[in-house]
PDB file of N, CA and C in Angstrom:
ATOM      1  N   MET A   1      36.676  -8.857 -14.400  1.00  0.00           N
ATOM      2  CA  MET A   1      35.899  -9.463 -13.314  1.00  0.00           C
ATOM      3  C   MET A   1      36.303  -8.792 -12.008  1.00  0.00           C
ATOM      4  N   PRO A   2      35.328  -8.324 -11.207  1.00  0.00           N
ATOM      5  CA  PRO A   2      35.658  -7.622  -9.970  1.00  0.00           C
ATOM      6  C   PRO A   2      36.248  -8.560  -8.926  1.00  0.00           C
ATOM      7  N   ASP A   3      37.115  -7.994  -8.084  1.00  0.00           N
ATOM      8  CA  ASP A   3      37.717  -8.739  -6.991  1.00  0.00           C
ATOM      9  C   ASP A   3      36.805  -8.598  -5.781  1.00  0.00           C
ATOM     10  N   ASP A   4      36.236  -9.698  -5.297  1.00  0.00           N
ATOM     11  CA  ASP A   4      35.308  -9.616  -4.175  1.00  0.00           C
ATOM     12  C   ASP A   4      35.935 -10.082  -2.867  1.00  0.00           C
ATOM     13  N   THR A   5      37.262 -10.046  -2.781  1.00  0.00           N
ATOM     14  CA  THR A   5      37.961 -10.405  -1.560  1.00  0.00           C
ATOM     15  C   THR A   5      37.716  -9.333  -0.501  1.00  0.00           C
ATOM     16  N   LEU A   6      37.385  -9.764   0.716  1.00  0.00           N
ATOM     17  CA  LEU A   6      37.183  -8.806   1.796  1.00  0.00           C
ATOM     18  C   LEU A   6      38.537  -8.214   2.192  1.00  0.00           C
ATOM     19  N   VAL A   7      38.609  -6.902   2.285  1.00  0.00           N
ATOM     20  CA  VAL A   7      39.838  -6.199   2.621  1.00  0.00           C
ATOM     21  C   VAL A   7      39.648  -5.531   3.976  1.00  0.00           C
ATOM     22  N   ASP A   8      40.582  -5.754   4.906  1.00  0.00           N
ATOM     23  CA  ASP A   8      40.522  -5.118   6.220  1.00  0.00           C
ATOM     24  C   ASP A   8      40.890  -3.652   6.064  1.00  0.00           C
ATOM     25  N   MET A   9      39.956  -2.766   6.365  1.00  0.00           N
ATOM     26  CA  MET A   9      40.150  -1.329   6.175  1.00  0.00           C
ATOM     27  C   MET A   9      40.627  -0.622   7.444  1.00  0.00           C
ATOM     28  N   LYS A  10      40.950  -1.392   8.483  1.00  0.00           N
ATOM     29  CA  LYS A  10      41.379  -0.791   9.744  1.00  0.00           C
ATOM     30  C   LYS A  10      42.596   0.098   9.519  1.00  0.00           C
ATOM     31  N   ILE A  11      42.613   1.263  10.186  1.00  0.00           N
ATOM     32  CA  ILE A  11      43.716   2.216  10.053  1.00  0.00           C
ATOM     33  C   ILE A  11      44.901   1.725  10.892  1.00  0.00           C
ATOM     34  N   SER A  12      46.066   1.642  10.272  1.00  0.00           N
ATOM     35  CA  SER A  12      47.263   1.222  11.002  1.00  0.00           C
ATOM     36  C   SER A  12      47.734   2.351  11.911  1.00  0.00           C
ATOM     37  N   LYS A  13      48.566   2.018  12.901  1.00  0.00           N
ATOM     38  CA  LYS A  13      49.086   3.039  13.817  1.00  0.00           C
ATOM     39  C   LYS A  13      49.880   4.100  13.069  1.00  0.00           C
ATOM     40  N   SER A  14      50.622   3.707  12.039  1.00  0.00           N
ATOM     41  CA  SER A  14      51.387   4.698  11.273  1.00  0.00           C
ATOM     42  C   SER A  14      50.458   5.629  10.493  1.00  0.00           C
ATOM     43  N   GLU A  15      49.350   5.095   9.951  1.00  0.00           N
ATOM     44  CA  GLU A  15      48.369   5.936   9.260  1.00  0.00           C
ATOM     45  C   GLU A  15      47.697   6.904  10.232  1.00  0.00           C
ATOM     46  N   GLN A  16      47.440   6.446  11.467  1.00  0.00           N
ATOM     47  CA  GLN A  16      46.843   7.314  12.477  1.00  0.00           C
ATOM     48  C   GLN A  16      47.766   8.486  12.792  1.00  0.00           C
ATOM     49  N   LYS A  17      49.027   8.186  12.994  1.00  0.00           N
ATOM     50  CA  LYS A  17      49.992   9.240  13.311  1.00  0.00           C
ATOM     51  C   LYS A  17      50.134  10.214  12.154  1.00  0.00           C
ATOM     52  N   GLU A  18      50.167   9.687  10.936  1.00  0.00           N
ATOM     53  CA  GLU A  18      50.320  10.531   9.745  1.00  0.00           C
ATOM     54  C   GLU A  18      49.140  11.478   9.570  1.00  0.00           C
ATOM     55  N   SER A  19      47.924  10.983   9.806  1.00  0.00           N
ATOM     56  CA  SER A  19      46.744  11.819   9.571  1.00  0.00           C
ATOM     57  C   SER A  19      46.368  12.691  10.757  1.00  0.00           C
ATOM     58  N   GLN A  20      46.784  12.318  11.972  1.00  0.00           N
ATOM     59  CA  GLN A  20      46.329  13.046  13.148  1.00  0.00           C
ATOM     60  C   GLN A  20      47.449  13.667  13.965  1.00  0.00           C
ATOM     61  N   GLY A  21      48.678  13.397  13.633  1.00  0.00           N
ATOM     62  CA  GLY A  21      49.791  13.988  14.373  1.00  0.00           C
ATOM     63  C   GLY A  21      50.222  13.132  15.549  1.00  0.00           C
ATOM     64  N   GLU A  22      51.403  13.368  16.029  1.00  0.00           N
ATOM     65  CA  GLU A  22      52.008  12.574  17.089  1.00  0.00           C
ATOM     66  C   GLU A  22      51.335  12.748  18.447  1.00  0.00           C
ATOM     67  N   ALA A  23      50.745  13.905  18.739  1.00  0.00           N
ATOM     68  CA  ALA A  23      50.255  14.207  20.081  1.00  0.00           C
ATOM     69  C   ALA A  23      48.856  13.664  20.367  1.00  0.00           C
ATOM     70  N   VAL A  24      48.294  12.883  19.458  1.00  0.00           N
ATOM     71  CA  VAL A  24      46.938  12.374  19.641  1.00  0.00           C
ATOM     72  C   VAL A  24      46.943  11.253  20.680  1.00  0.00           C
ATOM     73  N   VAL A  25      45.991  11.324  21.606  1.00  0.00           N
ATOM     74  CA  VAL A  25      45.854  10.267  22.603  1.00  0.00           C
ATOM     75  C   VAL A  25      45.286   9.038  21.917  1.00  0.00           C
ATOM     76  N   GLU A  26      45.874   7.875  22.180  1.00  0.00           N
ATOM     77  CA  GLU A  26      45.491   6.663  21.470  1.00  0.00           C
ATOM     78  C   GLU A  26      44.003   6.346  21.579  1.00  0.00           C
ATOM     79  N   ALA A  27      43.383   6.580  22.735  1.00  0.00           N
ATOM     80  CA  ALA A  27      41.964   6.267  22.918  1.00  0.00           C
ATOM     81  C   ALA A  27      41.064   7.133  22.036  1.00  0.00           C
ATOM     82  N   ASP A  28      41.548   8.268  21.572  1.00  0.00           N
ATOM     83  CA  ASP A  28      40.728   9.174  20.778  1.00  0.00           C
ATOM     84  C   ASP A  28      40.838   8.927  19.281  1.00  0.00           C
ATOM     85  N   THR A  29      41.638   7.983  18.845  1.00  0.00           N
ATOM     86  CA  THR A  29      41.843   7.776  17.414  1.00  0.00           C
ATOM     87  C   THR A  29      40.771   6.862  16.835  1.00  0.00           C
ATOM     88  N   ARG A  30      40.454   7.085  15.567  1.00  0.00           N
ATOM     89  CA  ARG A  30      39.496   6.241  14.850  1.00  0.00           C
ATOM     90  C   ARG A  30      40.166   4.926  14.487  1.00  0.00           C
ATOM     91  N   LYS A  31      39.369   3.882  14.414  1.00  0.00           N
ATOM     92  CA  LYS A  31      39.891   2.580  13.999  1.00  0.00           C
ATOM     93  C   LYS A  31      39.729   2.365  12.497  1.00  0.00           C
ATOM     94  N   TYR A  32      38.737   3.041  11.902  1.00  0.00           N
ATOM     95  CA  TYR A  32      38.457   2.874  10.481  1.00  0.00           C
ATOM     96  C   TYR A  32      38.305   4.248   9.835  1.00  0.00           C
ATOM     97  N   PRO A  33      38.587   4.359   8.539  1.00  0.00           N
ATOM     98  CA  PRO A  33      38.488   5.657   7.855  1.00  0.00           C
ATOM     99  C   PRO A  33      37.071   6.219   7.865  1.00  0.00           C
ATOM    100  N   TYR A  34      37.008   7.536   7.786  1.00  0.00           N
ATOM    101  CA  TYR A  34      35.731   8.239   7.692  1.00  0.00           C
ATOM    102  C   TYR A  34      34.948   7.726   6.489  1.00  0.00           C
ATOM    103  N   GLY A  35      33.670   7.570   6.652  1.00  0.00           N
ATOM    104  CA  GLY A  35      32.813   7.182   5.542  1.00  0.00           C
ATOM    105  C   GLY A  35      32.543   5.694   5.440  1.00  0.00           C
ATOM    106  N   LEU A  36      33.121   4.887   6.335  1.00  0.00           N
ATOM    107  CA  LEU A  36      32.896   3.449   6.235  1.00  0.00           C
ATOM    108  C   LEU A  36      31.812   2.936   7.181  1.00  0.00           C
ATOM    109  N   GLN A  37      31.063   3.824   7.797  1.00  0.00           N
ATOM    110  CA  GLN A  37      29.931   3.417   8.620  1.00  0.00           C
ATOM    111  C   GLN A  37      28.638   3.650   7.848  1.00  0.00           C
ATOM    112  N   LEU A  38      27.689   2.727   7.999  1.00  0.00           N
ATOM    113  CA  LEU A  38      26.356   2.902   7.436  1.00  0.00           C
ATOM    114  C   LEU A  38      25.417   3.221   8.588  1.00  0.00           C
ATOM    115  N   SER A  39      24.682   4.288   8.473  1.00  0.00           N
ATOM    116  CA  SER A  39      23.682   4.646   9.482  1.00  0.00           C
ATOM    117  C   SER A  39      22.304   4.478   8.857  1.00  0.00           C
ATOM    118  N   LEU A  40      21.496   3.642   9.470  1.00  0.00           N
ATOM    119  CA  LEU A  40      20.156   3.368   8.949  1.00  0.00           C
ATOM    120  C   LEU A  40      19.128   3.870   9.952  1.00  0.00           C
ATOM    121  N   GLU A  41      18.256   4.751   9.510  1.00  0.00           N
ATOM    122  CA  GLU A  41      17.209   5.290  10.367  1.00  0.00           C
ATOM    123  C   GLU A  41      15.971   4.403  10.300  1.00  0.00           C
ATOM    124  N   ASN A  42      14.980   4.747  11.100  1.00  0.00           N
ATOM    125  CA  ASN A  42      13.784   3.931  11.253  1.00  0.00           C
ATOM    126  C   ASN A  42      13.136   3.528   9.929  1.00  0.00           C
ATOM    127  N   ASP A  43      12.957   4.475   8.999  1.00  0.00           N
ATOM    128  CA  ASP A  43      12.326   4.148   7.717  1.00  0.00           C
ATOM    129  C   ASP A  43      13.134   3.135   6.924  1.00  0.00           C
ATOM    130  N   SER A  44      14.457   3.245   6.971  1.00  0.00           N
ATOM    131  CA  SER A  44      15.312   2.275   6.281  1.00  0.00           C
ATOM    132  C   SER A  44      15.253   0.918   6.966  1.00  0.00           C
ATOM    133  N   LEU A  45      15.227   0.909   8.294  1.00  0.00           N
ATOM    134  CA  LEU A  45      15.155  -0.358   9.029  1.00  0.00           C
ATOM    135  C   LEU A  45      13.847  -1.100   8.755  1.00  0.00           C
ATOM    136  N   LYS A  46      12.788  -0.364   8.446  1.00  0.00           N
ATOM    137  CA  LYS A  46      11.518  -1.005   8.094  1.00  0.00           C
ATOM    138  C   LYS A  46      11.669  -1.830   6.821  1.00  0.00           C
ATOM    139  N   LYS A  47      12.564  -1.404   5.928  1.00  0.00           N
ATOM    140  CA  LYS A  47      12.812  -2.122   4.677  1.00  0.00           C
ATOM    141  C   LYS A  47      13.761  -3.306   4.873  1.00  0.00           C
ATOM    142  N   LEU A  48      14.457  -3.340   6.012  1.00  0.00           N
ATOM    143  CA  LEU A  48      15.411  -4.412   6.334  1.00  0.00           C
ATOM    144  C   LEU A  48      15.028  -5.008   7.691  1.00  0.00           C
ATOM    145  N   PRO A  49      13.893  -5.704   7.756  1.00  0.00           N
ATOM    146  CA  PRO A  49      13.349  -6.141   9.044  1.00  0.00           C
ATOM    147  C   PRO A  49      14.255  -7.080   9.839  1.00  0.00           C
ATOM    148  N   ASN A  50      15.161  -7.797   9.176  1.00  0.00           N
ATOM    149  CA  ASN A  50      16.037  -8.705   9.910  1.00  0.00           C
ATOM    150  C   ASN A  50      17.047  -7.958  10.786  1.00  0.00           C
ATOM    151  N   LEU A  51      17.157  -6.639  10.609  1.00  0.00           N
ATOM    152  CA  LEU A  51      18.064  -5.848  11.451  1.00  0.00           C
ATOM    153  C   LEU A  51      17.358  -5.254  12.668  1.00  0.00           C
ATOM    154  N   ARG A  52      16.061  -5.287  12.716  1.00  0.00           N
ATOM    155  CA  ARG A  52      15.309  -4.642  13.796  1.00  0.00           C
ATOM    156  C   ARG A  52      15.680  -5.205  15.167  1.00  0.00           C
ATOM    157  N   LYS A  53      16.101  -6.462  15.232  1.00  0.00           N
ATOM    158  CA  LYS A  53      16.459  -7.076  16.516  1.00  0.00           C
ATOM    159  C   LYS A  53      17.970  -7.092  16.738  1.00  0.00           C
ATOM    160  N   GLY A  54      18.713  -6.400  15.883  1.00  0.00           N
ATOM    161  CA  GLY A  54      20.161  -6.384  16.013  1.00  0.00           C
ATOM    162  C   GLY A  54      20.619  -5.753  17.314  1.00  0.00           C
ATOM    163  N   LYS A  55      21.773  -6.226  17.805  1.00  0.00           N
ATOM    164  CA  LYS A  55      22.362  -5.702  19.028  1.00  0.00           C
ATOM    165  C   LYS A  55      23.759  -5.186  18.727  1.00  0.00           C
ATOM    166  N   VAL A  56      24.238  -4.270  19.543  1.00  0.00           N
ATOM    167  CA  VAL A  56      25.600  -3.756  19.402  1.00  0.00           C
ATOM    168  C   VAL A  56      26.565  -4.941  19.486  1.00  0.00           C
ATOM    169  N   GLY A  57      27.461  -5.026  18.541  1.00  0.00           N
ATOM    170  CA  GLY A  57      28.443  -6.106  18.504  1.00  0.00           C
ATOM    171  C   GLY A  57      28.080  -7.240  17.561  1.00  0.00           C
ATOM    172  N   ASP A  58      26.817  -7.324  17.126  1.00  0.00           N
ATOM    173  CA  ASP A  58      26.423  -8.348  16.158  1.00  0.00           C
ATOM    174  C   ASP A  58      27.181  -8.129  14.857  1.00  0.00           C
ATOM    175  N   VAL A  59      27.564  -9.217  14.211  1.00  0.00           N
ATOM    176  CA  VAL A  59      28.233  -9.150  12.911  1.00  0.00           C
ATOM    177  C   VAL A  59      27.194  -9.383  11.829  1.00  0.00           C
ATOM    178  N   VAL A  60      27.213  -8.568  10.770  1.00  0.00           N
ATOM    179  CA  VAL A  60      26.292  -8.723   9.650  1.00  0.00           C
ATOM    180  C   VAL A  60      27.095  -8.783   8.354  1.00  0.00           C
ATOM    181  N   THR A  61      26.509  -9.405   7.352  1.00  0.00           N
ATOM    182  CA  THR A  61      27.112  -9.377   6.023  1.00  0.00           C
ATOM    183  C   THR A  61      26.304  -8.408   5.170  1.00  0.00           C
ATOM    184  N   ILE A  62      27.007  -7.722   4.285  1.00  0.00           N
ATOM    185  CA  ILE A  62      26.377  -6.695   3.464  1.00  0.00           C
ATOM    186  C   ILE A  62      26.679  -6.961   1.996  1.00  0.00           C
ATOM    187  N   ALA A  63      25.656  -6.892   1.172  1.00  0.00           N
ATOM    188  CA  ALA A  63      25.817  -6.914  -0.276  1.00  0.00           C
ATOM    189  C   ALA A  63      25.095  -5.681  -0.802  1.00  0.00           C
ATOM    190  N   ALA A  64      25.732  -4.954  -1.680  1.00  0.00           N
ATOM    191  CA  ALA A  64      25.119  -3.719  -2.164  1.00  0.00           C
ATOM    192  C   ALA A  64      25.471  -3.485  -3.615  1.00  0.00           C
ATOM    193  N   ALA A  65      24.607  -2.726  -4.269  1.00  0.00           N
ATOM    194  CA  ALA A  65      24.869  -2.244  -5.620  1.00  0.00           C
ATOM    195  C   ALA A  65      24.817  -0.735  -5.560  1.00  0.00           C
ATOM    196  N   GLY A  66      25.787  -0.102  -6.155  1.00  0.00           N
ATOM    197  CA  GLY A  66      25.829   1.349  -6.127  1.00  0.00           C
ATOM    198  C   GLY A  66      26.386   1.907  -7.417  1.00  0.00           C
ATOM    199  N   LYS A  67      26.380   3.218  -7.469  1.00  0.00           N
ATOM    200  CA  LYS A  67      26.864   3.920  -8.650  1.00  0.00           C
ATOM    201  C   LYS A  67      27.893   4.955  -8.204  1.00  0.00           C
ATOM    202  N   ILE A  68      28.995   5.058  -8.935  1.00  0.00           N
ATOM    203  CA  ILE A  68      29.970   6.106  -8.667  1.00  0.00           C
ATOM    204  C   ILE A  68      29.341   7.415  -9.118  1.00  0.00           C
ATOM    205  N   VAL A  69      29.184   8.350  -8.169  1.00  0.00           N
ATOM    206  CA  VAL A  69      28.514   9.608  -8.477  1.00  0.00           C
ATOM    207  C   VAL A  69      29.473  10.795  -8.448  1.00  0.00           C
ATOM    208  N   SER A  70      30.673  10.583  -7.950  1.00  0.00           N
ATOM    209  CA  SER A  70      31.627  11.681  -7.880  1.00  0.00           C
ATOM    210  C   SER A  70      33.045  11.120  -7.869  1.00  0.00           C
ATOM    211  N   LEU A  71      33.916  11.806  -8.597  1.00  0.00           N
ATOM    212  CA  LEU A  71      35.315  11.421  -8.656  1.00  0.00           C
ATOM    213  C   LEU A  71      36.133  12.703  -8.759  1.00  0.00           C
ATOM    214  N   SER A  72      37.107  12.844  -7.869  1.00  0.00           N
ATOM    215  CA  SER A  72      37.952  14.028  -7.948  1.00  0.00           C
ATOM    216  C   SER A  72      39.397  13.652  -7.650  1.00  0.00           C
ATOM    217  N   GLU A  73      40.307  14.389  -8.237  1.00  0.00           N
ATOM    218  CA  GLU A  73      41.732  14.163  -8.030  1.00  0.00           C
ATOM    219  C   GLU A  73      42.409  15.518  -7.878  1.00  0.00           C
ATOM    220  N   ILE A  74      43.190  15.628  -6.812  1.00  0.00           N
ATOM    221  CA  ILE A  74      43.914  16.864  -6.536  1.00  0.00           C
ATOM    222  C   ILE A  74      45.396  16.535  -6.455  1.00  0.00           C
ATOM    223  N   GLU A  75      46.188  17.318  -7.171  1.00  0.00           N
ATOM    224  CA  GLU A  75      47.632  17.111  -7.132  1.00  0.00           C
ATOM    225  C   GLU A  75      48.301  18.401  -6.681  1.00  0.00           C
ATOM    226  N   THR A  76      49.193  18.274  -5.686  1.00  0.00           N
ATOM    227  CA  THR A  76      49.981  19.417  -5.228  1.00  0.00           C
ATOM    228  C   THR A  76      51.440  19.110  -5.501  1.00  0.00           C
ATOM    229  N   GLU A  77      52.312  20.000  -5.081  1.00  0.00           N
ATOM    230  CA  GLU A  77      53.748  19.774  -5.283  1.00  0.00           C
ATOM    231  C   GLU A  77      54.245  18.565  -4.504  1.00  0.00           C
ATOM    232  N   THR A  78      53.595  18.254  -3.386  1.00  0.00           N
ATOM    233  CA  THR A  78      54.108  17.182  -2.526  1.00  0.00           C
ATOM    234  C   THR A  78      53.336  15.874  -2.593  1.00  0.00           C
ATOM    235  N   LYS A  79      52.092  15.917  -3.026  1.00  0.00           N
ATOM    236  CA  LYS A  79      51.317  14.665  -3.074  1.00  0.00           C
ATOM    237  C   LYS A  79      50.109  14.806  -3.990  1.00  0.00           C
ATOM    238  N   SER A  80      49.501  13.663  -4.272  1.00  0.00           N
ATOM    239  CA  SER A  80      48.243  13.678  -5.011  1.00  0.00           C
ATOM    240  C   SER A  80      47.222  12.899  -4.193  1.00  0.00           C
ATOM    241  N   ASN A  81      45.970  13.265  -4.359  1.00  0.00           N
ATOM    242  CA  ASN A  81      44.899  12.649  -3.593  1.00  0.00           C
ATOM    243  C   ASN A  81      43.708  12.413  -4.517  1.00  0.00           C
ATOM    244  N   LYS A  82      43.096  11.237  -4.374  1.00  0.00           N
ATOM    245  CA  LYS A  82      41.952  10.893  -5.203  1.00  0.00           C
ATOM    246  C   LYS A  82      40.788  10.538  -4.293  1.00  0.00           C
ATOM    247  N   ASP A  83      39.608  11.080  -4.576  1.00  0.00           N
ATOM    248  CA  ASP A  83      38.399  10.791  -3.809  1.00  0.00           C
ATOM    249  C   ASP A  83      37.327  10.242  -4.739  1.00  0.00           C
ATOM    250  N   LEU A  84      36.544   9.306  -4.206  1.00  0.00           N
ATOM    251  CA  LEU A  84      35.495   8.663  -4.967  1.00  0.00           C
ATOM    252  C   LEU A  84      34.265   8.551  -4.073  1.00  0.00           C
ATOM    253  N   THR A  85      33.102   8.880  -4.594  1.00  0.00           N
ATOM    254  CA  THR A  85      31.855   8.753  -3.835  1.00  0.00           C
ATOM    255  C   THR A  85      30.954   7.758  -4.550  1.00  0.00           C
ATOM    256  N   ILE A  86      30.443   6.805  -3.780  1.00  0.00           N
ATOM    257  CA  ILE A  86      29.523   5.800  -4.312  1.00  0.00           C
ATOM    258  C   ILE A  86      28.175   5.977  -3.638  1.00  0.00           C
ATOM    259  N   GLN A  87      27.130   6.094  -4.425  1.00  0.00           N
ATOM    260  CA  GLN A  87      25.765   6.132  -3.891  1.00  0.00           C
ATOM    261  C   GLN A  87      25.229   4.712  -3.891  1.00  0.00           C
ATOM    262  N   ILE A  88      24.985   4.162  -2.695  1.00  0.00           N
ATOM    263  CA  ILE A  88      24.395   2.832  -2.600  1.00  0.00           C
ATOM    264  C   ILE A  88      22.935   2.946  -3.012  1.00  0.00           C
ATOM    265  N   GLU A  89      22.529   2.131  -3.984  1.00  0.00           N
ATOM    266  CA  GLU A  89      21.165   2.188  -4.493  1.00  0.00           C
ATOM    267  C   GLU A  89      20.322   0.996  -4.053  1.00  0.00           C
ATOM    268  N   LYS A  90      20.949  -0.151  -3.875  1.00  0.00           N
ATOM    269  CA  LYS A  90      20.248  -1.349  -3.417  1.00  0.00           C
ATOM    270  C   LYS A  90      21.156  -2.041  -2.409  1.00  0.00           C
ATOM    271  N   ILE A  91      20.544  -2.600  -1.357  1.00  0.00           N
ATOM    272  CA  ILE A  91      21.359  -3.219  -0.310  1.00  0.00           C
ATOM    273  C   ILE A  91      20.628  -4.414   0.283  1.00  0.00           C
ATOM    274  N   ALA A  92      21.400  -5.419   0.658  1.00  0.00           N
ATOM    275  CA  ALA A  92      20.893  -6.571   1.403  1.00  0.00           C
ATOM    276  C   ALA A  92      21.833  -6.753   2.586  1.00  0.00           C
ATOM    277  N   ILE A  93      21.259  -6.947   3.762  1.00  0.00           N
ATOM    278  CA  ILE A  93      22.076  -7.143   4.953  1.00  0.00           C
ATOM    279  C   ILE A  93      21.570  -8.386   5.658  1.00  0.00           C
ATOM    280  N   ASN A  94      22.465  -9.341   5.867  1.00  0.00           N
ATOM    281  CA  ASN A  94      22.137 -10.588   6.538  1.00  0.00           C
ATOM    282  C   ASN A  94      22.529 -10.446   7.997  1.00  0.00           C
ATOM    283  N   GLY A  95      21.562 -10.507   8.879  1.00  0.00           N
ATOM    284  CA  GLY A  95      21.833 -10.370  10.306  1.00  0.00           C
ATOM    285  C   GLY A  95      22.330 -11.643  10.952  1.00  0.00           C
ATOM    286  N   ASN A  96      22.430 -12.736  10.209  1.00  0.00           N
ATOM    287  CA  ASN A  96      22.875 -14.008  10.784  1.00  0.00           C
ATOM    288  C   ASN A  96      23.919 -14.681   9.888  1.00  0.00           C
ATOM    289  N   PRO A  97      25.126 -14.108   9.779  1.00  0.00           N
ATOM    290  CA  PRO A  97      26.131 -14.744   8.930  1.00  0.00           C
ATOM    291  C   PRO A  97      26.567 -16.082   9.515  1.00  0.00           C
ATOM    292  N   ASP A  98      27.111 -16.941   8.655  1.00  0.00           N
ATOM    293  CA  ASP A  98      27.533 -18.243   9.143  1.00  0.00           C
ATOM    294  C   ASP A  98      28.731 -18.115  10.083  1.00  0.00           C
ATOM    295  N   LYS A  99      28.966 -19.148  10.907  1.00  0.00           N
ATOM    296  CA  LYS A  99      30.005 -19.111  11.940  1.00  0.00           C
ATOM    297  C   LYS A  99      31.402 -18.948  11.349  1.00  0.00           C
ATOM    298  N   GLU A 100      31.668 -19.573  10.199  1.00  0.00           N
ATOM    299  CA  GLU A 100      32.989 -19.477   9.572  1.00  0.00           C
ATOM    300  C   GLU A 100      33.290 -18.020   9.201  1.00  0.00           C
ATOM    301  N   PHE A 101      32.311 -17.329   8.624  1.00  0.00           N
ATOM    302  CA  PHE A 101      32.490 -15.935   8.259  1.00  0.00           C
ATOM    303  C   PHE A 101      32.680 -15.076   9.508  1.00  0.00           C
ATOM    304  N   SER A 102      31.846 -15.274  10.516  1.00  0.00           N
ATOM    305  CA  SER A 102      31.878 -14.469  11.733  1.00  0.00           C
ATOM    306  C   SER A 102      33.158 -14.640  12.526  1.00  0.00           C
ATOM    307  N   ALA A 103      33.835 -15.765  12.365  1.00  0.00           N
ATOM    308  CA  ALA A 103      35.051 -16.027  13.152  1.00  0.00           C
ATOM    309  C   ALA A 103      36.104 -14.937  12.967  1.00  0.00           C
ATOM    310  N   GLY A 104      36.170 -14.320  11.791  1.00  0.00           N
ATOM    311  CA  GLY A 104      37.143 -13.279  11.528  1.00  0.00           C
ATOM    312  C   GLY A 104      36.832 -11.975  12.232  1.00  0.00           C
ATOM    313  N   PHE A 105      35.668 -11.875  12.868  1.00  0.00           N
ATOM    314  CA  PHE A 105      35.241 -10.632  13.511  1.00  0.00           C
ATOM    315  C   PHE A 105      35.149 -10.756  15.024  1.00  0.00           C
ATOM    316  N   GLU A 106      35.672 -11.843  15.585  1.00  0.00           N
ATOM    317  CA  GLU A 106      35.611 -12.002  17.038  1.00  0.00           C
ATOM    318  C   GLU A 106      36.347 -10.866  17.710  1.00  0.00           C
ATOM    319  N   SER A 107      35.889 -10.499  18.884  1.00  0.00           N
ATOM    320  CA  SER A 107      36.501  -9.396  19.625  1.00  0.00           C
ATOM    321  C   SER A 107      37.973  -9.687  19.911  1.00  0.00           C
ATOM    322  N   LYS A 108      38.784  -8.700  19.583  1.00  0.00           N
ATOM    323  CA  LYS A 108      40.217  -8.776  19.838  1.00  0.00           C
ATOM    324  C   LYS A 108      40.612  -7.490  20.517  1.00  0.00           C
ATOM    325  N   LYS A 109      41.557  -7.555  21.406  1.00  0.00           N
ATOM    326  CA  LYS A 109      42.064  -6.329  22.023  1.00  0.00           C
ATOM    327  C   LYS A 109      43.014  -5.677  21.049  1.00  0.00           C
ATOM    328  N   ASP A 110      42.829  -4.377  20.822  1.00  0.00           N
ATOM    329  CA  ASP A 110      43.674  -3.633  19.890  1.00  0.00           C
ATOM    330  C   ASP A 110      44.912  -3.118  20.583  1.00  0.00           C
TER     331      ASP A 110
END
């Protein structure tokens, strides 16, 4: 049975330093790993009309079905790395999540 617990994917300060080096200015660092943003263009938004009135900062819930289309693993003398690509095939996005769910996404200073 799959685990459907929401996991915070925010990059920790130690992960930022490890991936970008010590000399990176804090304002220039990413908060979340590459690949965790969904970009929907006009044709896709036509299929999800409840998002057409969305504003920057709105919280949405997402349910999707996808297929693993690529899996690779690289091992070197010092580390191993595994990559996985999922093609989202069906998606539902609720532009009005309930208040209890949204409470975890209130603006916080980082």
